[in-house]
C-alpha atoms as a PDB file:
ATOM      1  CA  UNK A   1      53.283  66.203-107.923  1.00  0.00           C
ATOM      2  CA  UNK A   2      50.615  66.490-110.604  1.00  0.00           C
ATOM      3  CA  UNK A   3      46.959  67.217-110.009  1.00  0.00           C
ATOM      4  CA  UNK A   4      46.176  63.698-111.183  1.00  0.00           C
ATOM      5  CA  UNK A   5      48.585  62.202-108.629  1.00  0.00           C
ATOM      6  CA  UNK A   6      47.058  64.306-105.865  1.00  0.00           C
ATOM      7  CA  UNK A   7      43.564  63.172-106.867  1.00  0.00           C
ATOM      8  CA  UNK A   8      44.594  59.528-106.937  1.00  0.00           C
ATOM      9  CA  UNK A   9      46.263  59.814-103.517  1.00  0.00           C
ATOM     10  CA  UNK A  10      43.188  61.468-102.001  1.00  0.00           C
ATOM     11  CA  UNK A  11      40.956  58.788-103.488  1.00  0.00           C
ATOM     12  CA  UNK A  12      43.140  56.033-102.079  1.00  0.00           C
ATOM     13  CA  UNK A  13      43.176  57.687 -98.652  1.00  0.00           C
ATOM     14  CA  UNK A  14      39.385  57.999 -98.667  1.00  0.00           C
ATOM     15  CA  UNK A  15      39.086  54.350 -99.727  1.00  0.00           C
ATOM     16  CA  UNK A  16      41.330  53.199 -96.866  1.00  0.00           C
ATOM     17  CA  UNK A  17      39.297  55.243 -94.369  1.00  0.00           C
ATOM     18  CA  UNK A  18      36.005  53.820 -95.663  1.00  0.00           C
ATOM     19  CA  UNK A  19      37.410  50.284 -95.563  1.00  0.00           C
ATOM     20  CA  UNK A  20      38.529  50.805 -91.980  1.00  0.00           C
ATOM     21  CA  UNK A  21      35.100  52.119 -90.986  1.00  0.00           C
ATOM     22  CA  UNK A  22      33.386  49.217 -92.734  1.00  0.00           C
ATOM     23  CA  UNK A  23      35.467  46.748 -90.745  1.00  0.00           C
ATOM     24  CA  UNK A  24      34.770  48.493 -87.456  1.00  0.00           C
ATOM     25  CA  UNK A  25      31.023  48.583 -88.204  1.00  0.00           C
ATOM     26  CA  UNK A  26      31.081  44.842 -88.918  1.00  0.00           C
ATOM     27  CA  UNK A  27      32.908  44.223 -85.633  1.00  0.00           C
ATOM     28  CA  UNK A  28      30.398  46.250 -83.634  1.00  0.00           C
ATOM     29  CA  UNK A  29      27.459  44.416 -85.190  1.00  0.00           C
ATOM     30  CA  UNK A  30      29.115  41.017 -84.662  1.00  0.00           C
ATOM     31  CA  UNK A  31      29.708  41.714 -80.974  1.00  0.00           C
ATOM     32  CA  UNK A  32      26.222  43.104 -80.452  1.00  0.00           C
ATOM     33  CA  UNK A  33      24.738  40.134 -82.302  1.00  0.00           C
ATOM     34  CA  UNK A  34      26.203  37.877 -79.605  1.00  0.00           C
ATOM     35  CA  UNK A  35      24.242  39.876 -77.015  1.00  0.00           C
ATOM     36  CA  UNK A  36      20.905  39.481 -78.767  1.00  0.00           C
ATOM     37  CA  UNK A  37      18.935  40.755 -81.730  1.00  0.00           C
ATOM     38  CA  UNK A  38      20.162  44.193 -82.840  1.00  0.00           C
ATOM     39  CA  UNK A  39      17.209  46.562 -83.365  1.00  0.00           C
ATOM     40  CA  UNK A  40      16.950  47.780 -86.954  1.00  0.00           C
ATOM     41  CA  UNK A  41      17.172  51.428 -85.855  1.00  0.00           C
ATOM     42  CA  UNK A  42      20.452  50.761 -84.030  1.00  0.00           C
ATOM     43  CA  UNK A  43      21.815  48.781 -86.970  1.00  0.00           C
ATOM     44  CA  UNK A  44      21.016  51.693 -89.323  1.00  0.00           C
ATOM     45  CA  UNK A  45      22.696  54.159 -86.967  1.00  0.00           C
ATOM     46  CA  UNK A  46      25.857  52.058 -86.827  1.00  0.00           C
ATOM     47  CA  UNK A  47      25.947  51.491 -90.588  1.00  0.00           C
ATOM     48  CA  UNK A  48      25.478  55.201 -91.318  1.00  0.00           C
ATOM     49  CA  UNK A  49      28.264  56.418 -89.007  1.00  0.00           C
ATOM     50  CA  UNK A  50      31.214  57.690 -91.066  1.00  0.00           C
ATOM     51  CA  UNK A  51      33.640  58.847 -88.340  1.00  0.00           C
ATOM     52  CA  UNK A  52      36.275  56.260 -87.424  1.00  0.00           C
ATOM     53  CA  UNK A  53      36.824  57.857 -84.009  1.00  0.00           C
ATOM     54  CA  UNK A  54      33.146  57.462 -83.089  1.00  0.00           C
ATOM     55  CA  UNK A  55      33.076  53.912 -84.431  1.00  0.00           C
ATOM     56  CA  UNK A  56      36.148  53.001 -82.364  1.00  0.00           C
ATOM     57  CA  UNK A  57      34.448  54.338 -79.230  1.00  0.00           C
ATOM     58  CA  UNK A  58      31.356  52.310 -80.096  1.00  0.00           C
ATOM     59  CA  UNK A  59      33.487  49.203 -80.677  1.00  0.00           C
ATOM     60  CA  UNK A  60      35.008  49.616 -77.225  1.00  0.00           C
ATOM     61  CA  UNK A  61      31.547  50.061 -75.721  1.00  0.00           C
ATOM     62  CA  UNK A  62      30.270  46.956 -77.536  1.00  0.00           C
ATOM     63  CA  UNK A  63      33.153  44.928 -76.077  1.00  0.00           C
ATOM     64  CA  UNK A  64      32.234  46.104 -72.560  1.00  0.00           C
ATOM     65  CA  UNK A  65      28.448  45.849 -72.897  1.00  0.00           C
ATOM     66  CA  UNK A  66      26.515  43.049 -71.284  1.00  0.00           C
ATOM     67  CA  UNK A  67      23.360  43.719 -73.318  1.00  0.00           C
ATOM     68  CA  UNK A  68      22.114  45.814 -76.233  1.00  0.00           C
ATOM     69  CA  UNK A  69      20.587  48.224 -73.736  1.00  0.00           C
ATOM     70  CA  UNK A  70      23.907  48.463 -71.930  1.00  0.00           C
ATOM     71  CA  UNK A  71      25.619  49.332 -75.244  1.00  0.00           C
ATOM     72  CA  UNK A  72      23.062  52.064 -75.901  1.00  0.00           C
ATOM     73  CA  UNK A  73      23.646  53.471 -72.413  1.00  0.00           C
ATOM     74  CA  UNK A  74      27.433  53.347 -72.819  1.00  0.00           C
ATOM     75  CA  UNK A  75      27.292  55.130 -76.187  1.00  0.00           C
ATOM     76  CA  UNK A  76      24.713  57.771 -75.274  1.00  0.00           C
ATOM     77  CA  UNK A  77      27.389  60.395 -74.481  1.00  0.00           C
ATOM     78  CA  UNK A  78      29.206  59.723 -77.779  1.00  0.00           C
ATOM     79  CA  UNK A  79      25.970  60.022 -79.744  1.00  0.00           C
ATOM     80  CA  UNK A  80      25.323  63.460 -78.219  1.00  0.00           C
ATOM     81  CA  UNK A  81      28.633  64.864 -79.588  1.00  0.00           C
END
């Protein structure tokens, strides 16, 4: 495998990961938006998160939350990691 092929493969992998994260972020914000206005600080935190594992945990918490405050409580332990 050439260096060029390796570089292309790594770029494609990174692009897939970023696309996945972008979709998860959108899902979190859509769910939270149904609960009420999402504070700008929380929106920025969600949009800046780059780890898919953390975003998946947040998505699960958003699905369980009954309010924005509930989501923040449910994700507090994840945010401390």
